[in-house]
Amino acid sequence: MRHRVYGYKLGRSSAQRTALRRSLVTELIEHGRIQTTEAKCKAIRDEAEKLVSIAKQGLKAQDTGAKVHARRLVAARVNGGVAVVRKLFNDIAPRYAERNGGYTRITKIGLRKGDRAPMAIIEWV
């Protein structure tokens, strides 16, 4: 039974899962949409939405320290450095200032030709 078991293992060790999640979320922030398997899309959706929420809180903050703290929290969870964090804070988060969640959309696109894995596209709404 997998009652109350959180997350997707994706057939990888914990370090590999963390690296995969970070790279996929970074690519989603950079490119706006990515095509991957359904399981990977569902695995990164929560992380991507949490990062947007952190960025929104950073934008609303009055204190400079809180703004910097939000940027550092995001930078710790993505690869790509300053450019990715800047894009999230300057382009993506202001778009969803009035929205209370549900920042991503997953669209199923069929099966992959090689191994018939179910594929999907994850993108910003």
PDB file of N, CA and C in Angstrom:
ATOM      1  N   MET A   1       0.835  -1.186   0.000  1.00  0.00           N
ATOM      2  CA  MET A   1       0.000   0.000   0.000  1.00  0.00           C
ATOM      3  C   MET A   1       0.870   1.236   0.000  1.00  0.00           C
ATOM      4  N   ARG A   2       0.448   2.259  -0.720  1.00  0.00           N
ATOM      5  CA  ARG A   2       1.235   3.488  -0.735  1.00  0.00           C
ATOM      6  C   ARG A   2       0.455   4.647  -0.137  1.00  0.00           C
ATOM      7  N   HIS A   3      -0.265   4.375   0.928  1.00  0.00           N
ATOM      8  CA  HIS A   3      -1.003   5.422   1.601  1.00  0.00           C
ATOM      9  C   HIS A   3      -0.043   6.471   2.146  1.00  0.00           C
ATOM     10  N   ARG A   4      -0.348   7.729   1.907  1.00  0.00           N
ATOM     11  CA  ARG A   4       0.404   8.869   2.424  1.00  0.00           C
ATOM     12  C   ARG A   4       1.859   8.904   1.957  1.00  0.00           C
ATOM     13  N   VAL A   5       2.173   8.246   0.850  1.00  0.00           N
ATOM     14  CA  VAL A   5       3.518   8.291   0.292  1.00  0.00           C
ATOM     15  C   VAL A   5       3.538   9.417  -0.734  1.00  0.00           C
ATOM     16  N   TYR A   6       4.404  10.404  -0.527  1.00  0.00           N
ATOM     17  CA  TYR A   6       4.427  11.601  -1.360  1.00  0.00           C
ATOM     18  C   TYR A   6       5.506  11.496  -2.423  1.00  0.00           C
ATOM     19  N   GLY A   7       5.214  11.935  -3.613  1.00  0.00           N
ATOM     20  CA  GLY A   7       6.218  12.074  -4.655  1.00  0.00           C
ATOM     21  C   GLY A   7       6.303  10.896  -5.593  1.00  0.00           C
ATOM     22  N   TYR A   8       7.113  11.084  -6.630  1.00  0.00           N
ATOM     23  CA  TYR A   8       7.325  10.079  -7.663  1.00  0.00           C
ATOM     24  C   TYR A   8       8.775   9.642  -7.609  1.00  0.00           C
ATOM     25  N   LYS A   9       9.026   8.335  -7.653  1.00  0.00           N
ATOM     26  CA  LYS A   9      10.399   7.847  -7.599  1.00  0.00           C
ATOM     27  C   LYS A   9      11.086   7.893  -8.958  1.00  0.00           C
ATOM     28  N   LEU A  10      10.346   7.721 -10.032  1.00  0.00           N
ATOM     29  CA  LEU A  10      10.851   7.832 -11.392  1.00  0.00           C
ATOM     30  C   LEU A  10      12.004   6.875 -11.686  1.00  0.00           C
ATOM     31  N   GLY A  11      12.117   5.790 -10.932  1.00  0.00           N
ATOM     32  CA  GLY A  11      13.142   4.785 -11.200  1.00  0.00           C
ATOM     33  C   GLY A  11      14.556   5.274 -10.975  1.00  0.00           C
ATOM     34  N   ARG A  12      14.751   6.207 -10.064  1.00  0.00           N
ATOM     35  CA  ARG A  12      16.064   6.791  -9.822  1.00  0.00           C
ATOM     36  C   ARG A  12      16.347   6.873  -8.332  1.00  0.00           C
ATOM     37  N   SER A  13      17.630   7.039  -8.007  1.00  0.00           N
ATOM     38  CA  SER A  13      17.991   7.252  -6.609  1.00  0.00           C
ATOM     39  C   SER A  13      17.582   8.671  -6.213  1.00  0.00           C
ATOM     40  N   SER A  14      17.651   8.974  -4.934  1.00  0.00           N
ATOM     41  CA  SER A  14      17.168  10.279  -4.475  1.00  0.00           C
ATOM     42  C   SER A  14      17.999  11.425  -5.040  1.00  0.00           C
ATOM     43  N   ALA A  15      19.309  11.261  -5.153  1.00  0.00           N
ATOM     44  CA  ALA A  15      20.151  12.319  -5.706  1.00  0.00           C
ATOM     45  C   ALA A  15      19.842  12.538  -7.189  1.00  0.00           C
ATOM     46  N   GLN A  16      19.618  11.455  -7.923  1.00  0.00           N
ATOM     47  CA  GLN A  16      19.280  11.577  -9.340  1.00  0.00           C
ATOM     48  C   GLN A  16      17.912  12.225  -9.530  1.00  0.00           C
ATOM     49  N   ARG A  17      16.955  11.891  -8.650  1.00  0.00           N
ATOM     50  CA  ARG A  17      15.629  12.512  -8.724  1.00  0.00           C
ATOM     51  C   ARG A  17      15.714  14.008  -8.488  1.00  0.00           C
ATOM     52  N   THR A  18      16.494  14.402  -7.503  1.00  0.00           N
ATOM     53  CA  THR A  18      16.654  15.821  -7.197  1.00  0.00           C
ATOM     54  C   THR A  18      17.274  16.559  -8.378  1.00  0.00           C
ATOM     55  N   ALA A  19      18.312  15.983  -8.966  1.00  0.00           N
ATOM     56  CA  ALA A  19      18.976  16.607 -10.110  1.00  0.00           C
ATOM     57  C   ALA A  19      18.028  16.696 -11.303  1.00  0.00           C
ATOM     58  N   LEU A  20      17.253  15.648 -11.545  1.00  0.00           N
ATOM     59  CA  LEU A  20      16.305  15.646 -12.657  1.00  0.00           C
ATOM     60  C   LEU A  20      15.234  16.704 -12.450  1.00  0.00           C
ATOM     61  N   ARG A  21      14.678  16.778 -11.228  1.00  0.00           N
ATOM     62  CA  ARG A  21      13.640  17.767 -10.937  1.00  0.00           C
ATOM     63  C   ARG A  21      14.168  19.184 -11.108  1.00  0.00           C
ATOM     64  N   ARG A  22      15.367  19.445 -10.614  1.00  0.00           N
ATOM     65  CA  ARG A  22      15.947  20.784 -10.742  1.00  0.00           C
ATOM     66  C   ARG A  22      16.151  21.165 -12.200  1.00  0.00           C
ATOM     67  N   SER A  23      16.677  20.235 -12.985  1.00  0.00           N
ATOM     68  CA  SER A  23      16.947  20.567 -14.382  1.00  0.00           C
ATOM     69  C   SER A  23      15.649  20.758 -15.164  1.00  0.00           C
ATOM     70  N   LEU A  24      14.621  19.951 -14.896  1.00  0.00           N
ATOM     71  CA  LEU A  24      13.356  20.108 -15.606  1.00  0.00           C
ATOM     72  C   LEU A  24      12.657  21.413 -15.234  1.00  0.00           C
ATOM     73  N   VAL A  25      12.686  21.774 -13.956  1.00  0.00           N
ATOM     74  CA  VAL A  25      12.065  23.036 -13.537  1.00  0.00           C
ATOM     75  C   VAL A  25      12.823  24.219 -14.137  1.00  0.00           C
ATOM     76  N   THR A  26      14.147  24.123 -14.184  1.00  0.00           N
ATOM     77  CA  THR A  26      14.950  25.183 -14.791  1.00  0.00           C
ATOM     78  C   THR A  26      14.613  25.343 -16.267  1.00  0.00           C
ATOM     79  N   GLU A  27      14.474  24.226 -16.975  1.00  0.00           N
ATOM     80  CA  GLU A  27      14.124  24.283 -18.392  1.00  0.00           C
ATOM     81  C   GLU A  27      12.724  24.860 -18.594  1.00  0.00           C
ATOM     82  N   LEU A  28      11.807  24.531 -17.694  1.00  0.00           N
ATOM     83  CA  LEU A  28      10.457  25.085 -17.790  1.00  0.00           C
ATOM     84  C   LEU A  28      10.480  26.600 -17.616  1.00  0.00           C
ATOM     85  N   ILE A  29      11.278  27.082 -16.667  1.00  0.00           N
ATOM     86  CA  ILE A  29      11.380  28.531 -16.452  1.00  0.00           C
ATOM     87  C   ILE A  29      12.028  29.203 -17.660  1.00  0.00           C
ATOM     88  N   GLU A  30      13.081  28.596 -18.213  1.00  0.00           N
ATOM     89  CA  GLU A  30      13.793  29.199 -19.337  1.00  0.00           C
ATOM     90  C   GLU A  30      12.961  29.217 -20.616  1.00  0.00           C
ATOM     91  N   HIS A  31      12.311  28.095 -20.923  1.00  0.00           N
ATOM     92  CA  HIS A  31      11.669  27.942 -22.224  1.00  0.00           C
ATOM     93  C   HIS A  31      10.155  28.132 -22.206  1.00  0.00           C
ATOM     94  N   GLY A  32       9.529  28.080 -21.046  1.00  0.00           N
ATOM     95  CA  GLY A  32       8.088  28.288 -20.968  1.00  0.00           C
ATOM     96  C   GLY A  32       7.265  27.032 -21.139  1.00  0.00           C
ATOM     97  N   ARG A  33       7.776  26.064 -21.856  1.00  0.00           N
ATOM     98  CA  ARG A  33       7.100  24.776 -22.011  1.00  0.00           C
ATOM     99  C   ARG A  33       8.127  23.715 -22.346  1.00  0.00           C
ATOM    100  N   ILE A  34       7.902  22.507 -21.838  1.00  0.00           N
ATOM    101  CA  ILE A  34       8.790  21.396 -22.145  1.00  0.00           C
ATOM    102  C   ILE A  34       7.953  20.157 -22.419  1.00  0.00           C
ATOM    103  N   GLN A  35       8.520  19.263 -23.212  1.00  0.00           N
ATOM    104  CA  GLN A  35       7.865  17.999 -23.540  1.00  0.00           C
ATOM    105  C   GLN A  35       8.643  16.878 -22.875  1.00  0.00           C
ATOM    106  N   THR A  36       7.949  16.077 -22.056  1.00  0.00           N
ATOM    107  CA  THR A  36       8.581  14.970 -21.352  1.00  0.00           C
ATOM    108  C   THR A  36       7.499  13.944 -21.026  1.00  0.00           C
ATOM    109  N   THR A  37       7.822  12.950 -20.217  1.00  0.00           N
ATOM    110  CA  THR A  37       6.817  11.937 -19.890  1.00  0.00           C
ATOM    111  C   THR A  37       5.805  12.499 -18.896  1.00  0.00           C
ATOM    112  N   GLU A  38       4.646  11.872 -18.850  1.00  0.00           N
ATOM    113  CA  GLU A  38       3.584  12.337 -17.941  1.00  0.00           C
ATOM    114  C   GLU A  38       4.045  12.288 -16.490  1.00  0.00           C
ATOM    115  N   ALA A  39       4.740  11.223 -16.106  1.00  0.00           N
ATOM    116  CA  ALA A  39       5.175  11.085 -14.722  1.00  0.00           C
ATOM    117  C   ALA A  39       6.122  12.207 -14.322  1.00  0.00           C
ATOM    118  N   LYS A  40       7.035  12.576 -15.225  1.00  0.00           N
ATOM    119  CA  LYS A  40       7.962  13.664 -14.925  1.00  0.00           C
ATOM    120  C   LYS A  40       7.235  14.999 -14.857  1.00  0.00           C
ATOM    121  N   CYS A  41       6.240  15.184 -15.729  1.00  0.00           N
ATOM    122  CA  CYS A  41       5.447  16.419 -15.675  1.00  0.00           C
ATOM    123  C   CYS A  41       4.750  16.552 -14.330  1.00  0.00           C
ATOM    124  N   LYS A  42       4.129  15.468 -13.889  1.00  0.00           N
ATOM    125  CA  LYS A  42       3.414  15.505 -12.620  1.00  0.00           C
ATOM    126  C   LYS A  42       4.374  15.678 -11.448  1.00  0.00           C
ATOM    127  N   ALA A  43       5.602  15.163 -11.596  1.00  0.00           N
ATOM    128  CA  ALA A  43       6.584  15.271 -10.521  1.00  0.00           C
ATOM    129  C   ALA A  43       7.090  16.697 -10.355  1.00  0.00           C
ATOM    130  N   ILE A  44       7.190  17.461 -11.453  1.00  0.00           N
ATOM    131  CA  ILE A  44       7.758  18.808 -11.342  1.00  0.00           C
ATOM    132  C   ILE A  44       6.705  19.891 -11.196  1.00  0.00           C
ATOM    133  N   ARG A  45       5.440  19.555 -11.401  1.00  0.00           N
ATOM    134  CA  ARG A  45       4.388  20.575 -11.325  1.00  0.00           C
ATOM    135  C   ARG A  45       4.373  21.254  -9.963  1.00  0.00           C
ATOM    136  N   ASP A  46       4.407  20.491  -8.882  1.00  0.00           N
ATOM    137  CA  ASP A  46       4.354  21.075  -7.535  1.00  0.00           C
ATOM    138  C   ASP A  46       5.545  21.987  -7.273  1.00  0.00           C
ATOM    139  N   GLU A  47       6.725  21.539  -7.688  1.00  0.00           N
ATOM    140  CA  GLU A  47       7.925  22.336  -7.454  1.00  0.00           C
ATOM    141  C   GLU A  47       7.861  23.659  -8.217  1.00  0.00           C
ATOM    142  N   ALA A  48       7.423  23.614  -9.458  1.00  0.00           N
ATOM    143  CA  ALA A  48       7.339  24.835 -10.269  1.00  0.00           C
ATOM    144  C   ALA A  48       6.335  25.817  -9.667  1.00  0.00           C
ATOM    145  N   GLU A  49       5.201  25.306  -9.215  1.00  0.00           N
ATOM    146  CA  GLU A  49       4.186  26.194  -8.648  1.00  0.00           C
ATOM    147  C   GLU A  49       4.644  26.785  -7.314  1.00  0.00           C
ATOM    148  N   LYS A  50       5.394  26.025  -6.520  1.00  0.00           N
ATOM    149  CA  LYS A  50       5.922  26.565  -5.265  1.00  0.00           C
ATOM    150  C   LYS A  50       6.919  27.688  -5.544  1.00  0.00           C
ATOM    151  N   LEU A  51       7.738  27.528  -6.587  1.00  0.00           N
ATOM    152  CA  LEU A  51       8.698  28.575  -6.918  1.00  0.00           C
ATOM    153  C   LEU A  51       7.999  29.862  -7.346  1.00  0.00           C
ATOM    154  N   VAL A  52       6.921  29.741  -8.095  1.00  0.00           N
ATOM    155  CA  VAL A  52       6.168  30.937  -8.489  1.00  0.00           C
ATOM    156  C   VAL A  52       5.564  31.596  -7.254  1.00  0.00           C
ATOM    157  N   SER A  53       5.060  30.795  -6.317  1.00  0.00           N
ATOM    158  CA  SER A  53       4.490  31.364  -5.089  1.00  0.00           C
ATOM    159  C   SER A  53       5.546  32.098  -4.277  1.00  0.00           C
ATOM    160  N   ILE A  54       6.740  31.530  -4.182  1.00  0.00           N
ATOM    161  CA  ILE A  54       7.832  32.194  -3.462  1.00  0.00           C
ATOM    162  C   ILE A  54       8.189  33.507  -4.158  1.00  0.00           C
ATOM    163  N   ALA A  55       8.230  33.488  -5.486  1.00  0.00           N
ATOM    164  CA  ALA A  55       8.556  34.702  -6.243  1.00  0.00           C
ATOM    165  C   ALA A  55       7.485  35.770  -6.045  1.00  0.00           C
ATOM    166  N   LYS A  56       6.232  35.366  -6.021  1.00  0.00           N
ATOM    167  CA  LYS A  56       5.159  36.336  -5.787  1.00  0.00           C
ATOM    168  C   LYS A  56       5.275  36.971  -4.403  1.00  0.00           C
ATOM    169  N   GLN A  57       5.593  36.163  -3.398  1.00  0.00           N
ATOM    170  CA  GLN A  57       5.771  36.705  -2.052  1.00  0.00           C
ATOM    171  C   GLN A  57       6.948  37.665  -2.018  1.00  0.00           C
ATOM    172  N   GLY A  58       8.012  37.348  -2.751  1.00  0.00           N
ATOM    173  CA  GLY A  58       9.173  38.229  -2.822  1.00  0.00           C
ATOM    174  C   GLY A  58       8.847  39.551  -3.482  1.00  0.00           C
ATOM    175  N   LEU A  59       7.973  39.516  -4.482  1.00  0.00           N
ATOM    176  CA  LEU A  59       7.588  40.758  -5.153  1.00  0.00           C
ATOM    177  C   LEU A  59       6.714  41.629  -4.274  1.00  0.00           C
ATOM    178  N   LYS A  60       5.869  41.013  -3.438  1.00  0.00           N
ATOM    179  CA  LYS A  60       4.970  41.765  -2.565  1.00  0.00           C
ATOM    180  C   LYS A  60       5.669  42.313  -1.327  1.00  0.00           C
ATOM    181  N   ALA A  61       6.822  41.755  -0.984  1.00  0.00           N
ATOM    182  CA  ALA A  61       7.503  42.121   0.253  1.00  0.00           C
ATOM    183  C   ALA A  61       7.923  43.581   0.247  1.00  0.00           C
ATOM    184  N   GLN A  62       7.769  44.227   1.384  1.00  0.00           N
ATOM    185  CA  GLN A  62       8.170  45.620   1.540  1.00  0.00           C
ATOM    186  C   GLN A  62       9.645  45.728   1.932  1.00  0.00           C
ATOM    187  N   ASP A  63      10.092  44.772   2.710  1.00  0.00           N
ATOM    188  CA  ASP A  63      11.451  44.773   3.235  1.00  0.00           C
ATOM    189  C   ASP A  63      12.428  44.247   2.178  1.00  0.00           C
ATOM    190  N   THR A  64      13.559  44.901   2.026  1.00  0.00           N
ATOM    191  CA  THR A  64      14.576  44.467   1.071  1.00  0.00           C
ATOM    192  C   THR A  64      15.135  43.101   1.441  1.00  0.00           C
ATOM    193  N   GLY A  65      15.252  42.844   2.730  1.00  0.00           N
ATOM    194  CA  GLY A  65      15.756  41.549   3.181  1.00  0.00           C
ATOM    195  C   GLY A  65      14.848  40.409   2.774  1.00  0.00           C
ATOM    196  N   ALA A  66      13.547  40.625   2.823  1.00  0.00           N
ATOM    197  CA  ALA A  66      12.597  39.588   2.419  1.00  0.00           C
ATOM    198  C   ALA A  66      12.668  39.334   0.917  1.00  0.00           C
ATOM    199  N   LYS A  67      12.898  40.385   0.151  1.00  0.00           N
ATOM    200  CA  LYS A  67      13.033  40.228  -1.301  1.00  0.00           C
ATOM    201  C   LYS A  67      14.265  39.408  -1.647  1.00  0.00           C
ATOM    202  N   VAL A  68      15.360  39.712  -0.993  1.00  0.00           N
ATOM    203  CA  VAL A  68      16.604  38.973  -1.228  1.00  0.00           C
ATOM    204  C   VAL A  68      16.458  37.527  -0.766  1.00  0.00           C
ATOM    205  N   HIS A  69      15.803  37.338   0.351  1.00  0.00           N
ATOM    206  CA  HIS A  69      15.594  35.987   0.872  1.00  0.00           C
ATOM    207  C   HIS A  69      14.797  35.139  -0.110  1.00  0.00           C
ATOM    208  N   ALA A  70      13.756  35.703  -0.715  1.00  0.00           N
ATOM    209  CA  ALA A  70      12.955  34.965  -1.687  1.00  0.00           C
ATOM    210  C   ALA A  70      13.797  34.581  -2.897  1.00  0.00           C
ATOM    211  N   ARG A  71      14.629  35.500  -3.363  1.00  0.00           N
ATOM    212  CA  ARG A  71      15.491  35.193  -4.503  1.00  0.00           C
ATOM    213  C   ARG A  71      16.487  34.096  -4.168  1.00  0.00           C
ATOM    214  N   ARG A  72      17.001  34.115  -2.953  1.00  0.00           N
ATOM    215  CA  ARG A  72      17.960  33.077  -2.564  1.00  0.00           C
ATOM    216  C   ARG A  72      17.291  31.717  -2.410  1.00  0.00           C
ATOM    217  N   LEU A  73      16.050  31.707  -1.921  1.00  0.00           N
ATOM    218  CA  LEU A  73      15.313  30.443  -1.830  1.00  0.00           C
ATOM    219  C   LEU A  73      15.109  29.832  -3.211  1.00  0.00           C
ATOM    220  N   VAL A  74      14.747  30.658  -4.175  1.00  0.00           N
ATOM    221  CA  VAL A  74      14.546  30.169  -5.540  1.00  0.00           C
ATOM    222  C   VAL A  74      15.870  29.716  -6.144  1.00  0.00           C
ATOM    223  N   ALA A  75      16.923  30.491  -5.944  1.00  0.00           N
ATOM    224  CA  ALA A  75      18.224  30.147  -6.512  1.00  0.00           C
ATOM    225  C   ALA A  75      18.745  28.818  -5.973  1.00  0.00           C
ATOM    226  N   ALA A  76      18.386  28.493  -4.738  1.00  0.00           N
ATOM    227  CA  ALA A  76      18.825  27.229  -4.151  1.00  0.00           C
ATOM    228  C   ALA A  76      18.106  26.031  -4.755  1.00  0.00           C
ATOM    229  N   ARG A  77      16.968  26.269  -5.400  1.00  0.00           N
ATOM    230  CA  ARG A  77      16.163  25.160  -5.922  1.00  0.00           C
ATOM    231  C   ARG A  77      16.241  24.993  -7.428  1.00  0.00           C
ATOM    232  N   VAL A  78      16.954  25.866  -8.128  1.00  0.00           N
ATOM    233  CA  VAL A  78      17.071  25.742  -9.580  1.00  0.00           C
ATOM    234  C   VAL A  78      18.534  25.787  -9.985  1.00  0.00           C
ATOM    235  N   ASN A  79      18.805  25.307 -11.198  1.00  0.00           N
ATOM    236  CA  ASN A  79      20.121  25.443 -11.814  1.00  0.00           C
ATOM    237  C   ASN A  79      20.056  26.638 -12.753  1.00  0.00           C
ATOM    238  N   GLY A  80      21.191  27.142 -13.140  1.00  0.00           N
ATOM    239  CA  GLY A  80      21.171  28.201 -14.138  1.00  0.00           C
ATOM    240  C   GLY A  80      21.508  29.567 -13.602  1.00  0.00           C
ATOM    241  N   GLY A  81      21.569  29.731 -12.300  1.00  0.00           N
ATOM    242  CA  GLY A  81      22.053  30.969 -11.730  1.00  0.00           C
ATOM    243  C   GLY A  81      21.114  32.147 -11.813  1.00  0.00           C
ATOM    244  N   VAL A  82      21.721  33.312 -11.950  1.00  0.00           N
ATOM    245  CA  VAL A  82      21.015  34.576 -11.842  1.00  0.00           C
ATOM    246  C   VAL A  82      19.999  34.764 -12.968  1.00  0.00           C
ATOM    247  N   ALA A  83      20.321  34.313 -14.159  1.00  0.00           N
ATOM    248  CA  ALA A  83      19.436  34.543 -15.307  1.00  0.00           C
ATOM    249  C   ALA A  83      18.081  33.873 -15.112  1.00  0.00           C
ATOM    250  N   VAL A  84      18.078  32.664 -14.586  1.00  0.00           N
ATOM    251  CA  VAL A  84      16.821  31.933 -14.379  1.00  0.00           C
ATOM    252  C   VAL A  84      16.005  32.592 -13.270  1.00  0.00           C
ATOM    253  N   VAL A  85      16.662  32.980 -12.193  1.00  0.00           N
ATOM    254  CA  VAL A  85      15.964  33.642 -11.082  1.00  0.00           C
ATOM    255  C   VAL A  85      15.395  34.975 -11.544  1.00  0.00           C
ATOM    256  N   ARG A  86      16.159  35.710 -12.318  1.00  0.00           N
ATOM    257  CA  ARG A  86      15.698  37.005 -12.830  1.00  0.00           C
ATOM    258  C   ARG A  86      14.473  36.824 -13.731  1.00  0.00           C
ATOM    259  N   LYS A  87      14.495  35.804 -14.584  1.00  0.00           N
ATOM    260  CA  LYS A  87      13.364  35.573 -15.476  1.00  0.00           C
ATOM    261  C   LYS A  87      12.117  35.206 -14.678  1.00  0.00           C
ATOM    262  N   LEU A  88      12.280  34.385 -13.638  1.00  0.00           N
ATOM    263  CA  LEU A  88      11.133  34.002 -12.806  1.00  0.00           C
ATOM    264  C   LEU A  88      10.545  35.217 -12.107  1.00  0.00           C
ATOM    265  N   PHE A  89      11.387  36.065 -11.538  1.00  0.00           N
ATOM    266  CA  PHE A  89      10.904  37.212 -10.770  1.00  0.00           C
ATOM    267  C   PHE A  89      10.402  38.347 -11.667  1.00  0.00           C
ATOM    268  N   ASN A  90      11.045  38.571 -12.819  1.00  0.00           N
ATOM    269  CA  ASN A  90      10.686  39.711 -13.660  1.00  0.00           C
ATOM    270  C   ASN A  90       9.610  39.399 -14.692  1.00  0.00           C
ATOM    271  N   ASP A  91       9.548  38.153 -15.182  1.00  0.00           N
ATOM    272  CA  ASP A  91       8.618  37.823 -16.258  1.00  0.00           C
ATOM    273  C   ASP A  91       7.457  36.946 -15.807  1.00  0.00           C
ATOM    274  N   ILE A  92       7.751  35.880 -15.096  1.00  0.00           N
ATOM    275  CA  ILE A  92       6.731  34.866 -14.815  1.00  0.00           C
ATOM    276  C   ILE A  92       5.859  35.238 -13.612  1.00  0.00           C
ATOM    277  N   ALA A  93       6.468  35.582 -12.488  1.00  0.00           N
ATOM    278  CA  ALA A  93       5.690  35.868 -11.272  1.00  0.00           C
ATOM    279  C   ALA A  93       4.726  37.050 -11.426  1.00  0.00           C
ATOM    280  N   PRO A  94       5.111  38.169 -12.063  1.00  0.00           N
ATOM    281  CA  PRO A  94       4.146  39.269 -12.215  1.00  0.00           C
ATOM    282  C   PRO A  94       2.922  38.883 -13.051  1.00  0.00           C
ATOM    283  N   ARG A  95       3.084  37.932 -13.965  1.00  0.00           N
ATOM    284  CA  ARG A  95       1.959  37.467 -14.773  1.00  0.00           C
ATOM    285  C   ARG A  95       0.858  36.849 -13.916  1.00  0.00           C
ATOM    286  N   TYR A  96       1.254  36.243 -12.795  1.00  0.00           N
ATOM    287  CA  TYR A  96       0.300  35.520 -11.947  1.00  0.00           C
ATOM    288  C   TYR A  96       0.034  36.243 -10.633  1.00  0.00           C
ATOM    289  N   ALA A  97       0.196  37.539 -10.596  1.00  0.00           N
ATOM    290  CA  ALA A  97       0.032  38.307  -9.363  1.00  0.00           C
ATOM    291  C   ALA A  97      -1.382  38.183  -8.806  1.00  0.00           C
ATOM    292  N   GLU A  98      -2.381  38.105  -9.656  1.00  0.00           N
ATOM    293  CA  GLU A  98      -3.776  38.027  -9.210  1.00  0.00           C
ATOM    294  C   GLU A  98      -4.314  36.597  -9.183  1.00  0.00           C
ATOM    295  N   ARG A  99      -3.488  35.624  -9.486  1.00  0.00           N
ATOM    296  CA  ARG A  99      -3.938  34.235  -9.572  1.00  0.00           C
ATOM    297  C   ARG A  99      -3.532  33.486  -8.307  1.00  0.00           C
ATOM    298  N   ASN A 100      -4.427  32.645  -7.785  1.00  0.00           N
ATOM    299  CA  ASN A 100      -4.171  31.941  -6.526  1.00  0.00           C
ATOM    300  C   ASN A 100      -3.768  30.493  -6.744  1.00  0.00           C
ATOM    301  N   GLY A 101      -2.861  30.241  -7.628  1.00  0.00           N
ATOM    302  CA  GLY A 101      -2.412  28.878  -7.873  1.00  0.00           C
ATOM    303  C   GLY A 101      -2.832  28.409  -9.243  1.00  0.00           C
ATOM    304  N   GLY A 102      -2.400  27.193  -9.603  1.00  0.00           N
ATOM    305  CA  GLY A 102      -2.716  26.649 -10.903  1.00  0.00           C
ATOM    306  C   GLY A 102      -1.975  27.378 -12.008  1.00  0.00           C
ATOM    307  N   TYR A 103      -0.654  27.503 -11.858  1.00  0.00           N
ATOM    308  CA  TYR A 103       0.138  28.265 -12.803  1.00  0.00           C
ATOM    309  C   TYR A 103       0.587  27.433 -14.001  1.00  0.00           C
ATOM    310  N   THR A 104       0.490  26.106 -13.909  1.00  0.00           N
ATOM    311  CA  THR A 104       0.958  25.246 -14.989  1.00  0.00           C
ATOM    312  C   THR A 104      -0.183  24.439 -15.579  1.00  0.00           C
ATOM    313  N   ARG A 105       0.020  23.994 -16.805  1.00  0.00           N
ATOM    314  CA  ARG A 105      -0.949  23.152 -17.511  1.00  0.00           C
ATOM    315  C   ARG A 105      -0.202  21.946 -18.064  1.00  0.00           C
ATOM    316  N   ILE A 106      -0.767  20.750 -17.881  1.00  0.00           N
ATOM    317  CA  ILE A 106      -0.201  19.536 -18.448  1.00  0.00           C
ATOM    318  C   ILE A 106      -1.157  19.045 -19.532  1.00  0.00           C
ATOM    319  N   THR A 107      -0.633  18.874 -20.749  1.00  0.00           N
ATOM    320  CA  THR A 107      -1.418  18.408 -21.882  1.00  0.00           C
ATOM    321  C   THR A 107      -0.831  17.085 -22.365  1.00  0.00           C
ATOM    322  N   LYS A 108      -1.621  16.051 -22.380  1.00  0.00           N
ATOM    323  CA  LYS A 108      -1.151  14.746 -22.849  1.00  0.00           C
ATOM    324  C   LYS A 108      -1.088  14.755 -24.371  1.00  0.00           C
ATOM    325  N   ILE A 109      -0.007  14.204 -24.924  1.00  0.00           N
ATOM    326  CA  ILE A 109       0.181  14.254 -26.378  1.00  0.00           C
ATOM    327  C   ILE A 109       0.343  12.883 -27.011  1.00  0.00           C
ATOM    328  N   GLY A 110       0.077  11.820 -26.284  1.00  0.00           N
ATOM    329  CA  GLY A 110       0.158  10.493 -26.883  1.00  0.00           C
ATOM    330  C   GLY A 110       1.353   9.708 -26.388  1.00  0.00           C
ATOM    331  N   LEU A 111       1.702   8.686 -27.139  1.00  0.00           N
ATOM    332  CA  LEU A 111       2.758   7.768 -26.735  1.00  0.00           C
ATOM    333  C   LEU A 111       4.026   8.020 -27.545  1.00  0.00           C
ATOM    334  N   ARG A 112       5.166   7.837 -26.884  1.00  0.00           N
ATOM    335  CA  ARG A 112       6.450   7.995 -27.565  1.00  0.00           C
ATOM    336  C   ARG A 112       6.665   6.819 -28.499  1.00  0.00           C
ATOM    337  N   LYS A 113       7.257   7.072 -29.635  1.00  0.00           N
ATOM    338  CA  LYS A 113       7.388   6.049 -30.663  1.00  0.00           C
ATOM    339  C   LYS A 113       8.299   4.897 -30.234  1.00  0.00           C
ATOM    340  N   GLY A 114       9.398   5.200 -29.563  1.00  0.00           N
ATOM    341  CA  GLY A 114      10.380   4.173 -29.235  1.00  0.00           C
ATOM    342  C   GLY A 114       9.924   3.162 -28.207  1.00  0.00           C
ATOM    343  N   ASP A 115       9.400   3.623 -27.073  1.00  0.00           N
ATOM    344  CA  ASP A 115       9.043   2.712 -25.988  1.00  0.00           C
ATOM    345  C   ASP A 115       7.593   2.836 -25.536  1.00  0.00           C
ATOM    346  N   ARG A 116       6.807   3.620 -26.265  1.00  0.00           N
ATOM    347  CA  ARG A 116       5.391   3.803 -25.980  1.00  0.00           C
ATOM    348  C   ARG A 116       5.143   4.373 -24.579  1.00  0.00           C
ATOM    349  N   ALA A 117       6.043   5.217 -24.132  1.00  0.00           N
ATOM    350  CA  ALA A 117       5.849   5.920 -22.865  1.00  0.00           C
ATOM    351  C   ALA A 117       4.861   7.056 -23.081  1.00  0.00           C
ATOM    352  N   PRO A 118       3.919   7.256 -22.159  1.00  0.00           N
ATOM    353  CA  PRO A 118       2.967   8.362 -22.324  1.00  0.00           C
ATOM    354  C   PRO A 118       3.678   9.705 -22.180  1.00  0.00           C
ATOM    355  N   MET A 119       3.533  10.551 -23.192  1.00  0.00           N
ATOM    356  CA  MET A 119       4.216  11.839 -23.231  1.00  0.00           C
ATOM    357  C   MET A 119       3.232  12.965 -22.926  1.00  0.00           C
ATOM    358  N   ALA A 120       3.763  14.080 -22.459  1.00  0.00           N
ATOM    359  CA  ALA A 120       2.950  15.233 -22.132  1.00  0.00           C
ATOM    360  C   ALA A 120       3.766  16.496 -22.276  1.00  0.00           C
ATOM    361  N   ILE A 121       3.072  17.615 -22.372  1.00  0.00           N
ATOM    362  CA  ILE A 121       3.700  18.933 -22.404  1.00  0.00           C
ATOM    363  C   ILE A 121       3.270  19.671 -21.156  1.00  0.00           C
ATOM    364  N   ILE A 122       4.226  20.238 -20.449  1.00  0.00           N
ATOM    365  CA  ILE A 122       3.920  21.092 -19.302  1.00  0.00           C
ATOM    366  C   ILE A 122       4.301  22.510 -19.689  1.00  0.00           C
ATOM    367  N   GLU A 123       3.403  23.459 -19.423  1.00  0.00           N
ATOM    368  CA  GLU A 123       3.625  24.848 -19.813  1.00  0.00           C
ATOM    369  C   GLU A 123       2.961  25.768 -18.809  1.00  0.00           C
ATOM    370  N   TRP A 124       3.350  27.034 -18.838  1.00  0.00           N
ATOM    371  CA  TRP A 124       2.715  28.040 -17.996  1.00  0.00           C
ATOM    372  C   TRP A 124       1.357  28.369 -18.577  1.00  0.00           C
ATOM    373  N   VAL A 125       0.382  28.605 -17.722  1.00  0.00           N
ATOM    374  CA  VAL A 125      -0.969  28.929 -18.179  1.00  0.00           C
ATOM    375  C   VAL A 125      -0.992  30.341 -18.727  1.00  0.00           C
TER     376      VAL A 125
END
